[in-house]
Amino acid sequence: MGVAAGPIRVVVAKPGLDGHDRGAKVIARALRDAGMEVIYTGLHQTPEQIVDTAIQEDADAIGLSILSGAHNTLFAAVIALLEERDAADILVFGGGIIPEADIAPLKEKGVAEIFTPGATTASIVNWVRANVRQPAGA
């Protein structure tokens, strides 16, 4: 990842059939309040819509929030689409109701980090700052 001008840009997305987005909105606000530019896609997004948005918005990262149990399929689809579209430099992280046993396989597929219930907004903000490209002059 190169160093680009301006703040870190993060797409926060709710893929699949999830209808509960309070957590995603809390994370989006925390990232915004920390000085990042956040694009929240809303509910019921397809992996294609999420990747299209990330590319169009020149995002540095995608944060996925998944509560439906479809995390293995949806994370893999987003990662595969990023690779297909020559955008694998966009970091993917996520959170939600994800069993501990699924975290290592998701990371092996290319998910940079998983945050489970109880993760603080500060820990997520700090992780993004430490792992996503740094703004110029930081």
Protein backbone atom coordinates (compact mmCIF):
# COMPACT_ATOMS: atom_id res chain seq x y z
CA MET A 1 0.00 0.00 0.00
CA GLY A 2 1.31 3.37 -0.93
CA VAL A 3 1.14 6.54 1.06
CA ALA A 4 -1.63 8.72 -0.33
CA ALA A 5 -2.62 12.24 0.60
CA GLY A 6 -5.52 12.79 2.92
CA PRO A 7 -7.15 10.76 5.62
CA ILE A 8 -7.57 6.99 5.64
CA ARG A 9 -10.70 6.07 3.66
CA VAL A 10 -12.78 3.13 4.91
CA VAL A 11 -15.89 1.57 3.38
CA VAL A 12 -18.08 0.08 6.12
CA ALA A 13 -20.51 -2.46 4.72
CA LYS A 14 -23.28 -4.85 5.75
CA PRO A 15 -23.18 -7.69 3.22
CA GLY A 16 -25.90 -10.24 2.74
CA LEU A 17 -29.21 -10.49 4.50
CA ASP A 18 -28.29 -8.89 7.82
CA GLY A 19 -30.93 -6.43 8.92
CA HIS A 20 -29.20 -5.12 12.04
CA ASP A 21 -26.67 -2.36 11.50
CA ARG A 22 -26.23 -0.64 14.85
CA GLY A 23 -22.71 -2.05 15.31
CA ALA A 24 -21.65 -1.02 11.82
CA LYS A 25 -22.92 2.50 12.44
CA VAL A 26 -21.08 2.69 15.77
CA ILE A 27 -17.83 1.63 14.09
CA ALA A 28 -18.39 4.03 11.19
CA ARG A 29 -18.89 6.91 13.62
CA ALA A 30 -15.83 5.93 15.70
CA LEU A 31 -13.64 5.83 12.59
CA ARG A 32 -15.07 9.15 11.40
CA ASP A 33 -14.54 10.75 14.81
CA ALA A 34 -10.93 9.53 14.66
CA GLY A 35 -10.40 11.58 11.49
CA MET A 36 -10.98 8.94 8.84
CA GLU A 37 -13.27 9.30 5.85
CA VAL A 38 -16.00 6.69 6.10
CA ILE A 39 -18.37 5.56 3.39
CA TYR A 40 -21.24 3.52 4.87
CA THR A 41 -22.99 1.45 2.22
CA GLY A 42 -26.13 0.54 4.13
CA LEU A 43 -27.87 -2.81 4.53
CA HIS A 44 -28.12 -5.80 2.19
CA GLN A 45 -25.08 -5.15 0.03
CA THR A 46 -23.69 -7.75 -2.36
CA PRO A 47 -19.95 -8.39 -2.45
CA GLU A 48 -19.96 -6.83 -5.93
CA GLN A 49 -21.60 -3.64 -4.66
CA ILE A 50 -19.13 -3.41 -1.78
CA VAL A 51 -16.08 -3.87 -4.00
CA ASP A 52 -17.46 -1.44 -6.61
CA THR A 53 -17.95 1.17 -3.89
CA ALA A 54 -14.46 0.63 -2.47
CA ILE A 55 -12.85 1.03 -5.88
CA GLN A 56 -14.96 4.04 -6.87
CA GLU A 57 -14.30 5.74 -3.53
CA ASP A 58 -10.56 4.97 -3.64
CA ALA A 59 -10.85 3.26 -0.27
CA ASP A 60 -7.87 2.06 1.70
CA ALA A 61 -9.89 -0.54 3.61
CA ILE A 62 -13.23 -2.32 3.77
CA GLY A 63 -14.81 -3.10 7.13
CA LEU A 64 -17.48 -5.79 6.93
CA SER A 65 -20.06 -6.36 9.65
CA ILE A 66 -21.69 -9.78 9.52
CA LEU A 67 -24.19 -11.24 11.96
CA SER A 68 -25.96 -13.72 9.66
CA GLY A 69 -23.52 -16.61 9.79
CA ALA A 70 -22.53 -16.15 6.14
CA HIS A 71 -19.10 -14.74 7.01
CA ASN A 72 -17.08 -17.52 5.35
CA THR A 73 -18.86 -17.05 2.02
CA LEU A 74 -19.16 -13.27 2.05
CA PHE A 75 -15.61 -12.45 3.20
CA ALA A 76 -14.21 -14.87 0.59
CA ALA A 77 -16.33 -13.30 -2.15
CA VAL A 78 -15.14 -9.78 -1.31
CA ILE A 79 -11.48 -10.89 -1.21
CA ALA A 80 -11.83 -12.76 -4.54
CA LEU A 81 -13.47 -9.77 -6.24
CA LEU A 82 -10.76 -7.42 -5.01
CA GLU A 83 -8.13 -9.75 -6.46
CA GLU A 84 -10.04 -10.07 -9.77
CA ARG A 85 -10.30 -6.30 -10.07
CA ASP A 86 -6.63 -5.68 -9.28
CA ALA A 87 -7.56 -4.02 -5.99
CA ALA A 88 -6.09 -6.49 -3.50
CA ASP A 89 -4.26 -3.59 -1.85
CA ILE A 90 -7.58 -2.62 -0.23
CA LEU A 91 -7.37 -4.14 3.25
CA VAL A 92 -10.38 -6.15 4.45
CA PHE A 93 -11.28 -6.42 8.12
CA GLY A 94 -14.51 -7.20 9.85
CA GLY A 95 -16.50 -8.16 12.82
CA GLY A 96 -19.75 -9.51 14.09
CA ILE A 97 -20.91 -12.88 15.27
CA ILE A 98 -18.01 -14.98 14.04
CA PRO A 99 -17.06 -18.20 15.83
CA GLU A 100 -13.50 -18.40 17.12
CA ALA A 101 -12.94 -21.52 15.00
CA ASP A 102 -13.63 -19.53 11.81
CA ILE A 103 -11.20 -16.67 12.48
CA ALA A 104 -7.94 -18.40 11.48
CA PRO A 105 -9.39 -19.76 8.20
CA LEU A 106 -10.73 -16.30 7.35
CA LYS A 107 -7.30 -14.78 7.96
CA GLU A 108 -5.74 -17.48 5.75
CA LYS A 109 -8.10 -16.35 2.97
CA GLY A 110 -6.84 -12.78 3.29
CA VAL A 111 -9.00 -11.09 5.93
CA ALA A 112 -6.61 -8.85 7.84
CA GLU A 113 -8.42 -8.84 11.19
CA ILE A 114 -11.65 -9.97 12.85
CA PHE A 115 -13.24 -8.16 15.77
CA THR A 116 -15.72 -10.12 17.84
CA PRO A 117 -18.39 -8.83 20.23
CA GLY A 118 -16.79 -6.92 23.06
CA ALA A 119 -14.08 -5.31 20.95
CA THR A 120 -13.86 -1.65 21.84
CA THR A 121 -14.16 1.10 19.29
CA ALA A 122 -10.76 2.36 20.46
CA SER A 123 -9.14 -1.00 19.70
CA ILE A 124 -10.65 -1.00 16.20
CA VAL A 125 -9.59 2.60 15.52
CA ASN A 126 -6.07 1.85 16.78
CA TRP A 127 -5.86 -1.29 14.64
CA VAL A 128 -6.94 0.60 11.51
CA ARG A 129 -4.42 3.37 12.20
CA ALA A 130 -1.63 0.82 12.72
CA ASN A 131 -2.45 -1.43 9.76
CA VAL A 132 -3.90 0.76 7.01
CA ARG A 133 -1.74 3.19 5.07
CA GLN A 134 -0.75 6.28 6.95
CA PRO A 135 -1.85 9.67 5.63
CA ALA A 136 0.88 11.92 4.27
CA GLY A 137 2.53 13.87 7.06
CA ALA A 138 1.48 11.43 9.79
